Amino acid sequence: MVGFGASIAWADGQLTSHPKKYEIYNRILMNLGLDILRLRNVYRNDPNNFAPTFVEIVSEFIQFFLPRYPKILISSWSPPADLKSNGATDGGGTLIKDSVSHKYEYSAFAHIGSML
């Protein structure tokens, strides 16, 4: 993949509320040469208000890329804390293992994505 990276990552709220956000959008789009916009999946944080900042960010990217549409990847940066071995979304850790089979809980993690 060309230009793949964190993109907006954890800064979606900071970006959309920044007083110079349009200058920042321009620099991201013109200078970084992104071909994939990667956004952090925040569904479990607030499933009733899923990523309200994404509407503005994606709209800006679409305007830049027209007449074609940008590639957008929404992915988690970490499994949610209740599915992590360390009980936190940062500081390392892995996906938890089932207490009976001792296999990683991939199905529980995948279920989160299927709820979108």
PDB file of N, CA and C in Angstrom:
ATOM      1  N   MET A   1       0.844  -1.180   0.000  1.00  0.00           N
ATOM      2  CA  MET A   1       0.000   0.000   0.000  1.00  0.00           C
ATOM      3  C   MET A   1       0.886   1.239   0.000  1.00  0.00           C
ATOM      4  N   VAL A   2       0.491   2.210  -0.741  1.00  0.00           N
ATOM      5  CA  VAL A   2       1.241   3.448  -0.827  1.00  0.00           C
ATOM      6  C   VAL A   2       0.609   4.474   0.111  1.00  0.00           C
ATOM      7  N   GLY A   3       1.428   5.129   0.932  1.00  0.00           N
ATOM      8  CA  GLY A   3       0.912   6.183   1.796  1.00  0.00           C
ATOM      9  C   GLY A   3       0.115   5.679   2.980  1.00  0.00           C
ATOM     10  N   PHE A   4       0.292   4.430   3.346  1.00  0.00           N
ATOM     11  CA  PHE A   4      -0.495   3.869   4.447  1.00  0.00           C
ATOM     12  C   PHE A   4       0.128   4.246   5.777  1.00  0.00           C
ATOM     13  N   GLY A   5      -0.666   4.685   6.689  1.00  0.00           N
ATOM     14  CA  GLY A   5      -0.150   5.057   8.005  1.00  0.00           C
ATOM     15  C   GLY A   5      -1.288   5.361   8.940  1.00  0.00           C
ATOM     16  N   ALA A   6      -0.981   6.006  10.010  1.00  0.00           N
ATOM     17  CA  ALA A   6      -1.985   6.280  11.039  1.00  0.00           C
ATOM     18  C   ALA A   6      -3.046   7.266  10.562  1.00  0.00           C
ATOM     19  N   SER A   7      -2.702   8.103   9.611  1.00  0.00           N
ATOM     20  CA  SER A   7      -3.624   9.125   9.107  1.00  0.00           C
ATOM     21  C   SER A   7      -4.197   9.955  10.253  1.00  0.00           C
ATOM     22  N   ILE A   8      -5.486   9.891  10.477  1.00  0.00           N
ATOM     23  CA  ILE A   8      -6.115  10.744  11.485  1.00  0.00           C
ATOM     24  C   ILE A   8      -5.947  10.166  12.894  1.00  0.00           C
ATOM     25  N   ALA A   9      -5.924   8.860  13.002  1.00  0.00           N
ATOM     26  CA  ALA A   9      -5.699   8.161  14.270  1.00  0.00           C
ATOM     27  C   ALA A   9      -6.547   8.722  15.405  1.00  0.00           C
ATOM     28  N   TRP A  10      -5.924   9.170  16.454  1.00  0.00           N
ATOM     29  CA  TRP A  10      -6.618   9.641  17.659  1.00  0.00           C
ATOM     30  C   TRP A  10      -6.934  11.131  17.605  1.00  0.00           C
ATOM     31  N   ALA A  11      -6.646  11.793  16.511  1.00  0.00           N
ATOM     32  CA  ALA A  11      -6.748  13.249  16.466  1.00  0.00           C
ATOM     33  C   ALA A  11      -8.009  13.753  15.779  1.00  0.00           C
ATOM     34  N   ASP A  12      -9.011  12.920  15.576  1.00  0.00           N
ATOM     35  CA  ASP A  12     -10.194  13.362  14.844  1.00  0.00           C
ATOM     36  C   ASP A  12     -10.892  14.543  15.514  1.00  0.00           C
ATOM     37  N   GLY A  13     -11.059  14.503  16.816  1.00  0.00           N
ATOM     38  CA  GLY A  13     -11.706  15.610  17.524  1.00  0.00           C
ATOM     39  C   GLY A  13     -10.864  16.871  17.528  1.00  0.00           C
ATOM     40  N   GLN A  14      -9.562  16.700  17.671  1.00  0.00           N
ATOM     41  CA  GLN A  14      -8.666  17.854  17.647  1.00  0.00           C
ATOM     42  C   GLN A  14      -8.651  18.496  16.267  1.00  0.00           C
ATOM     43  N   LEU A  15      -8.658  17.668  15.238  1.00  0.00           N
ATOM     44  CA  LEU A  15      -8.627  18.187  13.878  1.00  0.00           C
ATOM     45  C   LEU A  15      -9.889  18.973  13.555  1.00  0.00           C
ATOM     46  N   THR A  16     -11.050  18.399  13.828  1.00  0.00           N
ATOM     47  CA  THR A  16     -12.307  19.048  13.448  1.00  0.00           C
ATOM     48  C   THR A  16     -12.614  20.290  14.285  1.00  0.00           C
ATOM     49  N   SER A  17     -11.989  20.432  15.446  1.00  0.00           N
ATOM     50  CA  SER A  17     -12.224  21.624  16.267  1.00  0.00           C
ATOM     51  C   SER A  17     -11.094  22.647  16.168  1.00  0.00           C
ATOM     52  N   HIS A  18     -10.065  22.349  15.402  1.00  0.00           N
ATOM     53  CA  HIS A  18      -8.911  23.248  15.285  1.00  0.00           C
ATOM     54  C   HIS A  18      -9.285  24.485  14.461  1.00  0.00           C
ATOM     55  N   PRO A  19      -8.866  25.672  14.901  1.00  0.00           N
ATOM     56  CA  PRO A  19      -9.221  26.884  14.138  1.00  0.00           C
ATOM     57  C   PRO A  19      -8.615  26.935  12.742  1.00  0.00           C
ATOM     58  N   LYS A  20      -7.546  26.211  12.492  1.00  0.00           N
ATOM     59  CA  LYS A  20      -6.929  26.191  11.168  1.00  0.00           C
ATOM     60  C   LYS A  20      -7.116  24.831  10.490  1.00  0.00           C
ATOM     61  N   LYS A  21      -8.247  24.204  10.763  1.00  0.00           N
ATOM     62  CA  LYS A  21      -8.467  22.843  10.262  1.00  0.00           C
ATOM     63  C   LYS A  21      -8.410  22.752   8.731  1.00  0.00           C
ATOM     64  N   TYR A  22      -8.878  23.766   8.023  1.00  0.00           N
ATOM     65  CA  TYR A  22      -8.855  23.680   6.561  1.00  0.00           C
ATOM     66  C   TYR A  22      -7.433  23.771   6.017  1.00  0.00           C
ATOM     67  N   GLU A  23      -6.581  24.510   6.688  1.00  0.00           N
ATOM     68  CA  GLU A  23      -5.167  24.526   6.310  1.00  0.00           C
ATOM     69  C   GLU A  23      -4.533  23.158   6.577  1.00  0.00           C
ATOM     70  N   ILE A  24      -4.927  22.559   7.684  1.00  0.00           N
ATOM     71  CA  ILE A  24      -4.400  21.224   8.026  1.00  0.00           C
ATOM     72  C   ILE A  24      -4.890  20.195   7.018  1.00  0.00           C
ATOM     73  N   TYR A  25      -6.187  20.224   6.683  1.00  0.00           N
ATOM     74  CA  TYR A  25      -6.704  19.306   5.659  1.00  0.00           C
ATOM     75  C   TYR A  25      -5.897  19.453   4.371  1.00  0.00           C
ATOM     76  N   ASN A  26      -5.676  20.686   3.971  1.00  0.00           N
ATOM     77  CA  ASN A  26      -4.942  20.940   2.736  1.00  0.00           C
ATOM     78  C   ASN A  26      -3.532  20.351   2.807  1.00  0.00           C
ATOM     79  N   ARG A  27      -2.853  20.550   3.910  1.00  0.00           N
ATOM     80  CA  ARG A  27      -1.491  20.012   4.056  1.00  0.00           C
ATOM     81  C   ARG A  27      -1.488  18.493   4.073  1.00  0.00           C
ATOM     82  N   ILE A  28      -2.448  17.902   4.763  1.00  0.00           N
ATOM     83  CA  ILE A  28      -2.528  16.437   4.792  1.00  0.00           C
ATOM     84  C   ILE A  28      -2.742  15.894   3.381  1.00  0.00           C
ATOM     85  N   LEU A  29      -3.675  16.492   2.670  1.00  0.00           N
ATOM     86  CA  LEU A  29      -4.026  15.978   1.349  1.00  0.00           C
ATOM     87  C   LEU A  29      -2.993  16.316   0.283  1.00  0.00           C
ATOM     88  N   MET A  30      -2.470  17.531   0.315  1.00  0.00           N
ATOM     89  CA  MET A  30      -1.547  17.950  -0.731  1.00  0.00           C
ATOM     90  C   MET A  30      -0.112  17.463  -0.485  1.00  0.00           C
ATOM     91  N   ASN A  31       0.319  17.467   0.766  1.00  0.00           N
ATOM     92  CA  ASN A  31       1.722  17.208   1.062  1.00  0.00           C
ATOM     93  C   ASN A  31       2.033  15.763   1.447  1.00  0.00           C
ATOM     94  N   LEU A  32       1.084  15.074   2.036  1.00  0.00           N
ATOM     95  CA  LEU A  32       1.367  13.715   2.480  1.00  0.00           C
ATOM     96  C   LEU A  32       1.123  12.675   1.398  1.00  0.00           C
ATOM     97  N   GLY A  33       0.323  13.013   0.420  1.00  0.00           N
ATOM     98  CA  GLY A  33       0.061  12.073  -0.662  1.00  0.00           C
ATOM     99  C   GLY A  33      -0.692  10.831  -0.218  1.00  0.00           C
ATOM    100  N   LEU A  34      -1.598  10.997   0.721  1.00  0.00           N
ATOM    101  CA  LEU A  34      -2.363   9.852   1.201  1.00  0.00           C
ATOM    102  C   LEU A  34      -3.224   9.267   0.090  1.00  0.00           C
ATOM    103  N   ASP A  35      -3.284   7.959   0.028  1.00  0.00           N
ATOM    104  CA  ASP A  35      -4.233   7.333  -0.876  1.00  0.00           C
ATOM    105  C   ASP A  35      -5.227   6.477  -0.101  1.00  0.00           C
ATOM    106  N   ILE A  36      -5.001   6.331   1.191  1.00  0.00           N
ATOM    107  CA  ILE A  36      -5.939   5.631   2.068  1.00  0.00           C
ATOM    108  C   ILE A  36      -6.115   6.476   3.317  1.00  0.00           C
ATOM    109  N   LEU A  37      -7.342   6.752   3.671  1.00  0.00           N
ATOM    110  CA  LEU A  37      -7.642   7.468   4.898  1.00  0.00           C
ATOM    111  C   LEU A  37      -7.949   6.424   5.967  1.00  0.00           C
ATOM    112  N   ARG A  38      -7.104   6.339   6.969  1.00  0.00           N
ATOM    113  CA  ARG A  38      -7.316   5.364   8.044  1.00  0.00           C
ATOM    114  C   ARG A  38      -7.914   6.079   9.241  1.00  0.00           C
ATOM    115  N   LEU A  39      -9.043   5.564   9.693  1.00  0.00           N
ATOM    116  CA  LEU A  39      -9.747   6.117  10.841  1.00  0.00           C
ATOM    117  C   LEU A  39      -9.845   5.052  11.931  1.00  0.00           C
ATOM    118  N   ARG A  40      -9.860   5.505  13.154  1.00  0.00           N
ATOM    119  CA  ARG A  40      -9.916   4.607  14.309  1.00  0.00           C
ATOM    120  C   ARG A  40     -11.365   4.217  14.584  1.00  0.00           C
ATOM    121  N   ASN A  41     -11.618   2.923  14.712  1.00  0.00           N
ATOM    122  CA  ASN A  41     -12.955   2.433  15.011  1.00  0.00           C
ATOM    123  C   ASN A  41     -13.280   2.729  16.475  1.00  0.00           C
ATOM    124  N   VAL A  42     -14.247   3.593  16.681  1.00  0.00           N
ATOM    125  CA  VAL A  42     -14.625   3.981  18.040  1.00  0.00           C
ATOM    126  C   VAL A  42     -16.043   3.517  18.382  1.00  0.00           C
ATOM    127  N   TYR A  43     -16.547   2.534  17.668  1.00  0.00           N
ATOM    128  CA  TYR A  43     -17.929   2.092  17.857  1.00  0.00           C
ATOM    129  C   TYR A  43     -18.227   1.726  19.303  1.00  0.00           C
ATOM    130  N   ARG A  44     -17.339   0.974  19.932  1.00  0.00           N
ATOM    131  CA  ARG A  44     -17.611   0.532  21.299  1.00  0.00           C
ATOM    132  C   ARG A  44     -17.546   1.668  22.301  1.00  0.00           C
ATOM    133  N   ASN A  45     -16.881   2.754  21.975  1.00  0.00           N
ATOM    134  CA  ASN A  45     -16.829   3.888  22.896  1.00  0.00           C
ATOM    135  C   ASN A  45     -18.198   4.524  23.060  1.00  0.00           C
ATOM    136  N   ASP A  46     -18.952   4.621  21.991  1.00  0.00           N
ATOM    137  CA  ASP A  46     -20.276   5.232  22.040  1.00  0.00           C
ATOM    138  C   ASP A  46     -21.090   4.785  20.824  1.00  0.00           C
ATOM    139  N   PRO A  47     -21.704   3.590  20.897  1.00  0.00           N
ATOM    140  CA  PRO A  47     -22.437   3.084  19.736  1.00  0.00           C
ATOM    141  C   PRO A  47     -23.642   3.936  19.334  1.00  0.00           C
ATOM    142  N   ASN A  48     -24.095   4.823  20.211  1.00  0.00           N
ATOM    143  CA  ASN A  48     -25.232   5.681  19.872  1.00  0.00           C
ATOM    144  C   ASN A  48     -24.807   6.963  19.169  1.00  0.00           C
ATOM    145  N   ASN A  49     -23.532   7.256  19.199  1.00  0.00           N
ATOM    146  CA  ASN A  49     -23.021   8.473  18.563  1.00  0.00           C
ATOM    147  C   ASN A  49     -21.693   8.131  17.902  1.00  0.00           C
ATOM    148  N   PHE A  50     -21.728   7.183  16.980  1.00  0.00           N
ATOM    149  CA  PHE A  50     -20.518   6.646  16.377  1.00  0.00           C
ATOM    150  C   PHE A  50     -19.792   7.677  15.528  1.00  0.00           C
ATOM    151  N   ALA A  51     -18.626   8.076  15.994  1.00  0.00           N
ATOM    152  CA  ALA A  51     -17.673   8.883  15.240  1.00  0.00           C
ATOM    153  C   ALA A  51     -18.292  10.084  14.526  1.00  0.00           C
ATOM    154  N   PRO A  52     -18.899  11.016  15.246  1.00  0.00           N
ATOM    155  CA  PRO A  52     -19.521  12.162  14.569  1.00  0.00           C
ATOM    156  C   PRO A  52     -18.524  13.021  13.800  1.00  0.00           C
ATOM    157  N   THR A  53     -17.265  13.022  14.193  1.00  0.00           N
ATOM    158  CA  THR A  53     -16.252  13.819  13.497  1.00  0.00           C
ATOM    159  C   THR A  53     -15.905  13.243  12.131  1.00  0.00           C
ATOM    160  N   PHE A  54     -16.180  11.955  11.926  1.00  0.00           N
ATOM    161  CA  PHE A  54     -15.819  11.311  10.667  1.00  0.00           C
ATOM    162  C   PHE A  54     -16.576  11.902   9.485  1.00  0.00           C
ATOM    163  N   VAL A  55     -17.781  12.389   9.717  1.00  0.00           N
ATOM    164  CA  VAL A  55     -18.580  12.961   8.630  1.00  0.00           C
ATOM    165  C   VAL A  55     -17.824  14.125   7.995  1.00  0.00           C
ATOM    166  N   GLU A  56     -17.324  15.029   8.829  1.00  0.00           N
ATOM    167  CA  GLU A  56     -16.598  16.183   8.297  1.00  0.00           C
ATOM    168  C   GLU A  56     -15.293  15.754   7.634  1.00  0.00           C
ATOM    169  N   ILE A  57     -14.537  14.897   8.302  1.00  0.00           N
ATOM    170  CA  ILE A  57     -13.235  14.489   7.777  1.00  0.00           C
ATOM    171  C   ILE A  57     -13.384  13.776   6.438  1.00  0.00           C
ATOM    172  N   VAL A  58     -14.291  12.829   6.367  1.00  0.00           N
ATOM    173  CA  VAL A  58     -14.491  12.079   5.124  1.00  0.00           C
ATOM    174  C   VAL A  58     -15.011  13.006   4.032  1.00  0.00           C
ATOM    175  N   SER A  59     -15.888  13.940   4.375  1.00  0.00           N
ATOM    176  CA  SER A  59     -16.395  14.896   3.378  1.00  0.00           C
ATOM    177  C   SER A  59     -15.271  15.728   2.786  1.00  0.00           C
ATOM    178  N   GLU A  60     -14.340  16.170   3.609  1.00  0.00           N
ATOM    179  CA  GLU A  60     -13.200  16.939   3.115  1.00  0.00           C
ATOM    180  C   GLU A  60     -12.338  16.092   2.175  1.00  0.00           C
ATOM    181  N   PHE A  61     -12.114  14.847   2.548  1.00  0.00           N
ATOM    182  CA  PHE A  61     -11.299  13.971   1.714  1.00  0.00           C
ATOM    183  C   PHE A  61     -11.994  13.665   0.395  1.00  0.00           C
ATOM    184  N   ILE A  62     -13.294  13.471   0.423  1.00  0.00           N
ATOM    185  CA  ILE A  62     -14.036  13.198  -0.810  1.00  0.00           C
ATOM    186  C   ILE A  62     -13.927  14.394  -1.756  1.00  0.00           C
ATOM    187  N   GLN A  63     -14.075  15.611  -1.221  1.00  0.00           N
ATOM    188  CA  GLN A  63     -13.975  16.805  -2.063  1.00  0.00           C
ATOM    189  C   GLN A  63     -12.618  16.902  -2.744  1.00  0.00           C
ATOM    190  N   PHE A  64     -11.577  16.504  -2.048  1.00  0.00           N
ATOM    191  CA  PHE A  64     -10.234  16.550  -2.613  1.00  0.00           C
ATOM    192  C   PHE A  64     -10.063  15.526  -3.727  1.00  0.00           C
ATOM    193  N   PHE A  65     -10.624  14.335  -3.536  1.00  0.00           N
ATOM    194  CA  PHE A  65     -10.386  13.231  -4.460  1.00  0.00           C
ATOM    195  C   PHE A  65     -11.315  13.215  -5.666  1.00  0.00           C
ATOM    196  N   LEU A  66     -12.424  13.957  -5.634  1.00  0.00           N
ATOM    197  CA  LEU A  66     -13.379  13.912  -6.744  1.00  0.00           C
ATOM    198  C   LEU A  66     -12.680  14.157  -8.071  1.00  0.00           C
ATOM    199  N   PRO A  67     -13.067  13.472  -9.120  1.00  0.00           N
ATOM    200  CA  PRO A  67     -14.272  12.677  -9.299  1.00  0.00           C
ATOM    201  C   PRO A  67     -14.168  11.241  -8.776  1.00  0.00           C
ATOM    202  N   ARG A  68     -12.998  10.783  -8.363  1.00  0.00           N
ATOM    203  CA  ARG A  68     -12.920   9.446  -7.772  1.00  0.00           C
ATOM    204  C   ARG A  68     -13.112   9.563  -6.269  1.00  0.00           C
ATOM    205  N   TYR A  69     -13.324   8.457  -5.611  1.00  0.00           N
ATOM    206  CA  TYR A  69     -13.525   8.460  -4.172  1.00  0.00           C
ATOM    207  C   TYR A  69     -12.301   7.892  -3.473  1.00  0.00           C
ATOM    208  N   PRO A  70     -11.977   8.427  -2.291  1.00  0.00           N
ATOM    209  CA  PRO A  70     -10.815   7.915  -1.563  1.00  0.00           C
ATOM    210  C   PRO A  70     -11.094   6.544  -0.962  1.00  0.00           C
ATOM    211  N   LYS A  71     -10.035   5.815  -0.718  1.00  0.00           N
ATOM    212  CA  LYS A  71     -10.147   4.553   0.006  1.00  0.00           C
ATOM    213  C   LYS A  71     -10.163   4.898   1.488  1.00  0.00           C
ATOM    214  N   ILE A  72     -11.096   4.298   2.215  1.00  0.00           N
ATOM    215  CA  ILE A  72     -11.219   4.567   3.641  1.00  0.00           C
ATOM    216  C   ILE A  72     -11.138   3.244   4.383  1.00  0.00           C
ATOM    217  N   LEU A  73     -10.287   3.208   5.381  1.00  0.00           N
ATOM    218  CA  LEU A  73     -10.126   2.029   6.216  1.00  0.00           C
ATOM    219  C   LEU A  73     -10.464   2.418   7.641  1.00  0.00           C
ATOM    220  N   ILE A  74     -11.445   1.767   8.208  1.00  0.00           N
ATOM    221  CA  ILE A  74     -11.764   1.975   9.622  1.00  0.00           C
ATOM    222  C   ILE A  74     -11.338   0.702  10.340  1.00  0.00           C
ATOM    223  N   SER A  75     -10.400   0.870  11.240  1.00  0.00           N
ATOM    224  CA  SER A  75      -9.892  -0.296  11.965  1.00  0.00           C
ATOM    225  C   SER A  75      -9.616   0.080  13.410  1.00  0.00           C
ATOM    226  N   SER A  76      -9.587  -0.926  14.240  1.00  0.00           N
ATOM    227  CA  SER A  76      -9.263  -0.677  15.640  1.00  0.00           C
ATOM    228  C   SER A  76      -7.758  -0.550  15.784  1.00  0.00           C
ATOM    229  N   TRP A  77      -7.353   0.232  16.728  1.00  0.00           N
ATOM    230  CA  TRP A  77      -5.932   0.333  17.045  1.00  0.00           C
ATOM    231  C   TRP A  77      -5.589  -0.748  18.068  1.00  0.00           C
ATOM    232  N   SER A  78      -6.589  -1.189  18.778  1.00  0.00           N
ATOM    233  CA  SER A  78      -6.414  -2.177  19.832  1.00  0.00           C
ATOM    234  C   SER A  78      -7.761  -2.836  20.076  1.00  0.00           C
ATOM    235  N   PRO A  79      -7.756  -4.087  20.497  1.00  0.00           N
ATOM    236  CA  PRO A  79      -9.030  -4.630  20.968  1.00  0.00           C
ATOM    237  C   PRO A  79      -9.500  -3.802  22.165  1.00  0.00           C
ATOM    238  N   PRO A  80     -10.792  -3.787  22.445  1.00  0.00           N
ATOM    239  CA  PRO A  80     -11.267  -3.056  23.614  1.00  0.00           C
ATOM    240  C   PRO A  80     -10.671  -3.657  24.892  1.00  0.00           C
ATOM    241  N   ALA A  81     -10.623  -2.877  25.940  1.00  0.00           N
ATOM    242  CA  ALA A  81      -9.969  -3.286  27.186  1.00  0.00           C
ATOM    243  C   ALA A  81     -10.500  -4.617  27.730  1.00  0.00           C
ATOM    244  N   ASP A  82     -11.813  -4.847  27.601  1.00  0.00           N
ATOM    245  CA  ASP A  82     -12.364  -6.088  28.157  1.00  0.00           C
ATOM    246  C   ASP A  82     -11.977  -7.324  27.346  1.00  0.00           C
ATOM    247  N   LEU A  83     -11.371  -7.116  26.181  1.00  0.00           N
ATOM    248  CA  LEU A  83     -10.877  -8.245  25.391  1.00  0.00           C
ATOM    249  C   LEU A  83      -9.345  -8.310  25.366  1.00  0.00           C
ATOM    250  N   LYS A  84      -8.688  -7.522  26.219  1.00  0.00           N
ATOM    251  CA  LYS A  84      -7.231  -7.491  26.270  1.00  0.00           C
ATOM    252  C   LYS A  84      -6.716  -8.212  27.518  1.00  0.00           C
ATOM    253  N   SER A  85      -5.577  -8.855  27.369  1.00  0.00           N
ATOM    254  CA  SER A  85      -4.969  -9.589  28.477  1.00  0.00           C
ATOM    255  C   SER A  85      -4.553  -8.673  29.625  1.00  0.00           C
ATOM    256  N   ASN A  86      -4.239  -7.413  29.320  1.00  0.00           N
ATOM    257  CA  ASN A  86      -3.841  -6.485  30.376  1.00  0.00           C
ATOM    258  C   ASN A  86      -4.994  -5.604  30.848  1.00  0.00           C
ATOM    259  N   GLY A  87      -6.185  -5.776  30.273  1.00  0.00           N
ATOM    260  CA  GLY A  87      -7.355  -5.006  30.678  1.00  0.00           C
ATOM    261  C   GLY A  87      -7.305  -3.543  30.281  1.00  0.00           C
ATOM    262  N   ALA A  88      -6.412  -3.182  29.359  1.00  0.00           N
ATOM    263  CA  ALA A  88      -6.263  -1.788  28.927  1.00  0.00           C
ATOM    264  C   ALA A  88      -6.017  -1.739  27.428  1.00  0.00           C
ATOM    265  N   THR A  89      -6.367  -0.620  26.820  1.00  0.00           N
ATOM    266  CA  THR A  89      -6.153  -0.477  25.373  1.00  0.00           C
ATOM    267  C   THR A  89      -4.760   0.022  25.041  1.00  0.00           C
ATOM    268  N   ASP A  90      -3.972   0.320  26.036  1.00  0.00           N
ATOM    269  CA  ASP A  90      -2.588   0.731  25.788  1.00  0.00           C
ATOM    270  C   ASP A  90      -1.653  -0.070  26.693  1.00  0.00           C
ATOM    271  N   GLY A  91      -0.378   0.130  26.528  1.00  0.00           N
ATOM    272  CA  GLY A  91       0.587  -0.538  27.395  1.00  0.00           C
ATOM    273  C   GLY A  91       0.824  -1.997  27.062  1.00  0.00           C
ATOM    274  N   GLY A  92       0.596  -2.376  25.818  1.00  0.00           N
ATOM    275  CA  GLY A  92       0.862  -3.760  25.415  1.00  0.00           C
ATOM    276  C   GLY A  92      -0.319  -4.666  25.648  1.00  0.00           C
ATOM    277  N   GLY A  93      -0.036  -5.920  25.919  1.00  0.00           N
ATOM    278  CA  GLY A  93      -1.089  -6.905  26.091  1.00  0.00           C
ATOM    279  C   GLY A  93      -1.488  -7.509  24.760  1.00  0.00           C
ATOM    280  N   THR A  94      -2.234  -8.572  24.831  1.00  0.00           N
ATOM    281  CA  THR A  94      -2.714  -9.264  23.641  1.00  0.00           C
ATOM    282  C   THR A  94      -4.211  -9.483  23.781  1.00  0.00           C
ATOM    283  N   LEU A  95      -4.788 -10.062  22.773  1.00  0.00           N
ATOM    284  CA  LEU A  95      -6.181 -10.475  22.836  1.00  0.00           C
ATOM    285  C   LEU A  95      -6.300 -11.535  23.927  1.00  0.00           C
ATOM    286  N   ILE A  96      -7.383 -11.501  24.694  1.00  0.00           N
ATOM    287  CA  ILE A  96      -7.548 -12.494  25.758  1.00  0.00           C
ATOM    288  C   ILE A  96      -7.749 -13.886  25.167  1.00  0.00           C
ATOM    289  N   LYS A  97      -7.535 -14.894  26.009  1.00  0.00           N
ATOM    290  CA  LYS A  97      -7.761 -16.277  25.616  1.00  0.00           C
ATOM    291  C   LYS A  97      -8.969 -16.817  26.360  1.00  0.00           C
ATOM    292  N   ASP A  98      -9.684 -17.698  25.699  1.00  0.00           N
ATOM    293  CA  ASP A  98     -10.816 -18.372  26.307  1.00  0.00           C
ATOM    294  C   ASP A  98     -10.311 -19.192  27.498  1.00  0.00           C
ATOM    295  N   SER A  99     -11.018 -19.133  28.606  1.00  0.00           N
ATOM    296  CA  SER A  99     -10.560 -19.813  29.820  1.00  0.00           C
ATOM    297  C   SER A  99     -10.645 -21.333  29.716  1.00  0.00           C
ATOM    298  N   VAL A 100     -11.444 -21.855  28.815  1.00  0.00           N
ATOM    299  CA  VAL A 100     -11.585 -23.301  28.663  1.00  0.00           C
ATOM    300  C   VAL A 100     -10.668 -23.832  27.559  1.00  0.00           C
ATOM    301  N   SER A 101     -10.790 -23.256  26.372  1.00  0.00           N
ATOM    302  CA  SER A 101     -10.010 -23.756  25.230  1.00  0.00           C
ATOM    303  C   SER A 101      -8.593 -23.182  25.179  1.00  0.00           C
ATOM    304  N   HIS A 102      -8.368 -22.083  25.876  1.00  0.00           N
ATOM    305  CA  HIS A 102      -7.082 -21.374  25.869  1.00  0.00           C
ATOM    306  C   HIS A 102      -6.698 -20.868  24.477  1.00  0.00           C
ATOM    307  N   LYS A 103      -7.718 -20.643  23.641  1.00  0.00           N
ATOM    308  CA  LYS A 103      -7.499 -20.060  22.315  1.00  0.00           C
ATOM    309  C   LYS A 103      -7.869 -18.583  22.372  1.00  0.00           C
ATOM    310  N   TYR A 104      -7.212 -17.806  21.520  1.00  0.00           N
ATOM    311  CA  TYR A 104      -7.515 -16.380  21.480  1.00  0.00           C
ATOM    312  C   TYR A 104      -8.967 -16.143  21.103  1.00  0.00           C
ATOM    313  N   GLU A 105      -9.563 -15.105  21.666  1.00  0.00           N
ATOM    314  CA  GLU A 105     -10.974 -14.771  21.461  1.00  0.00           C
ATOM    315  C   GLU A 105     -11.208 -13.988  20.176  1.00  0.00           C
ATOM    316  N   TYR A 106     -10.751 -14.543  19.064  1.00  0.00           N
ATOM    317  CA  TYR A 106     -10.937 -13.870  17.779  1.00  0.00           C
ATOM    318  C   TYR A 106     -12.411 -13.684  17.445  1.00  0.00           C
ATOM    319  N   SER A 107     -13.244 -14.651  17.787  1.00  0.00           N
ATOM    320  CA  SER A 107     -14.668 -14.533  17.447  1.00  0.00           C
ATOM    321  C   SER A 107     -15.323 -13.384  18.203  1.00  0.00           C
ATOM    322  N   ALA A 108     -14.939 -13.169  19.457  1.00  0.00           N
ATOM    323  CA  ALA A 108     -15.497 -12.047  20.227  1.00  0.00           C
ATOM    324  C   ALA A 108     -15.051 -10.726  19.629  1.00  0.00           C
ATOM    325  N   PHE A 109     -13.793 -10.654  19.200  1.00  0.00           N
ATOM    326  CA  PHE A 109     -13.277  -9.437  18.595  1.00  0.00           C
ATOM    327  C   PHE A 109     -13.954  -9.197  17.239  1.00  0.00           C
ATOM    328  N   ALA A 110     -14.140 -10.244  16.465  1.00  0.00           N
ATOM    329  CA  ALA A 110     -14.797 -10.122  15.161  1.00  0.00           C
ATOM    330  C   ALA A 110     -16.264  -9.701  15.325  1.00  0.00           C
ATOM    331  N   HIS A 111     -16.897 -10.140  16.390  1.00  0.00           N
ATOM    332  CA  HIS A 111     -18.302  -9.799  16.620  1.00  0.00           C
ATOM    333  C   HIS A 111     -18.483  -8.282  16.740  1.00  0.00           C
ATOM    334  N   ILE A 112     -17.505  -7.595  17.301  1.00  0.00           N
ATOM    335  CA  ILE A 112     -17.578  -6.139  17.412  1.00  0.00           C
ATOM    336  C   ILE A 112     -17.716  -5.528  16.032  1.00  0.00           C
ATOM    337  N   GLY A 113     -16.899  -5.978  15.073  1.00  0.00           N
ATOM    338  CA  GLY A 113     -16.939  -5.460  13.712  1.00  0.00           C
ATOM    339  C   GLY A 113     -18.246  -5.769  13.011  1.00  0.00           C
ATOM    340  N   SER A 114     -18.844  -6.897  13.340  1.00  0.00           N
ATOM    341  CA  SER A 114     -20.091  -7.272  12.666  1.00  0.00           C
ATOM    342  C   SER A 114     -21.267  -6.452  13.164  1.00  0.00           C
ATOM    343  N   MET A 115     -21.110  -5.736  14.274  1.00  0.00           N
ATOM    344  CA  MET A 115     -22.191  -4.926  14.801  1.00  0.00           C
ATOM    345  C   MET A 115     -22.285  -3.581  14.113  1.00  0.00           C
ATOM    346  N   LEU A 116     -21.308  -3.237  13.280  1.00  0.00           N
ATOM    347  CA  LEU A 116     -21.310  -1.917  12.618  1.00  0.00           C
ATOM    348  C   LEU A 116     -22.351  -1.848  11.531  1.00  0.00           C
TER     349      LEU A 116
END
